[in-house]
Amino acid sequence: MDQDSAHPVDLLRIRGLKPSHQRIRVLERLLAHRDHPTADRIFRDLKVHIPSLSKSTVYHILDSFRETGLVRVLSIDDNEARFDIQMEVHGHFRCTGCGAIHNFPIRLDDLVPED
């Protein structure tokens, strides 16, 4: 199922995750903003809409997303994990001006050394 066109509830169910309100909102945030956020950024963005949300809940949700292959963890900096919802093969670079992390395409045949 294509993550870009699937409904968040369906994406969660396919991976065996109960579509709780908090999981749905975290997934919607990741799908709507492909900015490689930290768990803290997601928490701050959603806390306004879900006052009962805790940081530990966000971390737990993201860990369950990682375990089920819904997101991957990027270690761009030694002290900060970021989350990427795009699971297709691609690379990342950080803009030295603004600090944003951007995707760039990689062809699989570019990764395999020629004989």
Protein backbone atom coordinates (compact mmCIF):
# COMPACT_ATOMS: atom_id res chain seq x y z
CA MET A 1 0.00 0.00 0.00
CA ASP A 2 1.33 3.42 -0.95
CA GLN A 3 1.91 5.59 2.13
CA ASP A 4 1.19 8.76 0.17
CA SER A 5 -2.32 7.74 -0.85
CA ALA A 6 -3.38 5.49 2.04
CA HIS A 7 -5.42 6.64 4.98
CA PRO A 8 -3.43 6.76 8.25
CA VAL A 9 -5.86 4.35 9.96
CA ASP A 10 -5.25 1.79 7.21
CA LEU A 11 -1.47 2.24 7.42
CA LEU A 12 -1.58 1.57 11.15
CA ARG A 13 -3.86 -1.47 10.88
CA ILE A 14 -1.76 -3.05 8.13
CA ARG A 15 1.21 -2.93 10.50
CA GLY A 16 -0.78 -4.38 13.37
CA LEU A 17 -1.00 -1.13 15.32
CA LYS A 18 -4.21 -0.01 17.01
CA PRO A 19 -5.27 3.28 15.37
CA SER A 20 -5.49 5.34 18.56
CA HIS A 21 -6.13 9.07 18.30
CA GLN A 22 -2.54 9.84 19.30
CA ARG A 23 -0.99 7.38 16.81
CA ILE A 24 -3.17 8.75 14.02
CA ARG A 25 -2.16 12.34 14.81
CA VAL A 26 1.57 11.50 14.93
CA LEU A 27 1.29 9.66 11.62
CA GLU A 28 -0.70 12.50 10.05
CA ARG A 29 2.00 14.94 11.19
CA LEU A 30 4.73 12.82 9.60
CA LEU A 31 2.81 12.40 6.34
CA ALA A 32 1.87 16.08 6.04
CA HIS A 33 5.31 17.51 6.83
CA ARG A 34 8.24 15.57 5.40
CA ASP A 35 10.74 17.64 7.38
CA HIS A 36 12.51 14.81 9.25
CA PRO A 37 11.33 16.00 12.68
CA THR A 38 12.69 15.06 16.07
CA ALA A 39 10.37 13.48 18.63
CA ASP A 40 10.47 16.77 20.55
CA ARG A 41 9.35 18.71 17.45
CA ILE A 42 6.42 16.33 16.94
CA PHE A 43 5.52 16.63 20.62
CA ARG A 44 5.53 20.45 20.48
CA ASP A 45 3.48 20.49 17.27
CA LEU A 46 0.81 18.13 18.62
CA LYS A 47 0.66 19.21 22.27
CA VAL A 48 -1.41 22.25 21.23
CA HIS A 49 -4.07 19.93 19.77
CA ILE A 50 -3.74 17.09 22.30
CA PRO A 51 -3.18 18.63 25.75
CA SER A 52 -2.95 15.20 27.41
CA LEU A 53 -0.09 14.11 25.12
CA SER A 54 3.20 13.30 26.84
CA LYS A 55 6.71 13.16 25.42
CA SER A 56 7.04 9.54 26.47
CA THR A 57 3.91 8.69 24.47
CA VAL A 58 5.40 10.32 21.36
CA TYR A 59 8.66 8.40 21.84
CA HIS A 60 6.73 5.14 22.35
CA ILE A 61 4.62 5.76 19.23
CA LEU A 62 7.68 6.56 17.11
CA ASP A 63 9.44 3.45 18.39
CA SER A 64 6.45 1.30 17.42
CA PHE A 65 6.41 2.97 13.99
CA ARG A 66 10.11 2.14 13.60
CA GLU A 67 9.66 -1.47 14.71
CA THR A 68 6.87 -2.02 12.18
CA GLY A 69 8.68 -0.34 9.28
CA LEU A 70 6.49 2.73 9.10
CA VAL A 71 9.38 5.16 9.70
CA ARG A 72 13.14 5.04 9.76
CA VAL A 73 15.39 6.76 12.26
CA LEU A 74 18.03 9.13 10.91
CA SER A 75 21.12 9.87 12.94
CA ILE A 76 22.20 13.08 11.25
CA ASP A 77 23.73 14.46 14.45
CA ASP A 78 25.26 12.40 17.24
CA ASN A 79 22.84 13.80 19.79
CA GLU A 80 19.57 13.87 17.87
CA ALA A 81 17.38 11.26 16.18
CA ARG A 82 15.10 12.36 13.38
CA PHE A 83 12.26 10.43 11.81
CA ASP A 84 11.68 9.86 8.10
CA ILE A 85 8.34 8.60 6.81
CA GLN A 86 9.66 8.11 3.25
CA MET A 87 10.79 4.49 3.14
CA GLU A 88 11.92 4.37 -0.50
CA VAL A 89 15.68 4.39 -1.09
CA HIS A 90 17.01 7.95 -0.97
CA GLY A 91 19.78 10.00 0.57
CA HIS A 92 19.84 12.99 2.90
CA PHE A 93 21.82 16.18 3.19
CA ARG A 94 21.72 19.02 5.68
CA CYS A 95 21.67 22.59 4.43
CA THR A 96 24.58 24.44 6.01
CA GLY A 97 22.60 27.68 5.81
CA CYS A 98 19.27 26.82 7.46
CA GLY A 99 19.99 23.39 8.94
CA ALA A 100 17.05 21.72 7.19
CA ILE A 101 17.44 18.10 6.11
CA HIS A 102 16.51 17.37 2.51
CA ASN A 103 16.02 14.18 0.53
CA PHE A 104 17.75 13.43 -2.73
CA PRO A 105 17.13 10.49 -5.07
CA ILE A 106 19.52 7.57 -5.33
CA ARG A 107 19.35 4.95 -8.03
CA LEU A 108 19.93 1.46 -6.67
CA ASP A 109 22.36 0.62 -9.47
CA ASP A 110 24.52 3.57 -8.31
CA LEU A 111 24.98 1.80 -4.96
CA VAL A 112 26.29 -1.47 -6.40
CA PRO A 113 29.96 -1.37 -7.42
CA GLU A 114 30.70 -2.38 -10.96
CA ASP A 115 32.78 -5.54 -11.51
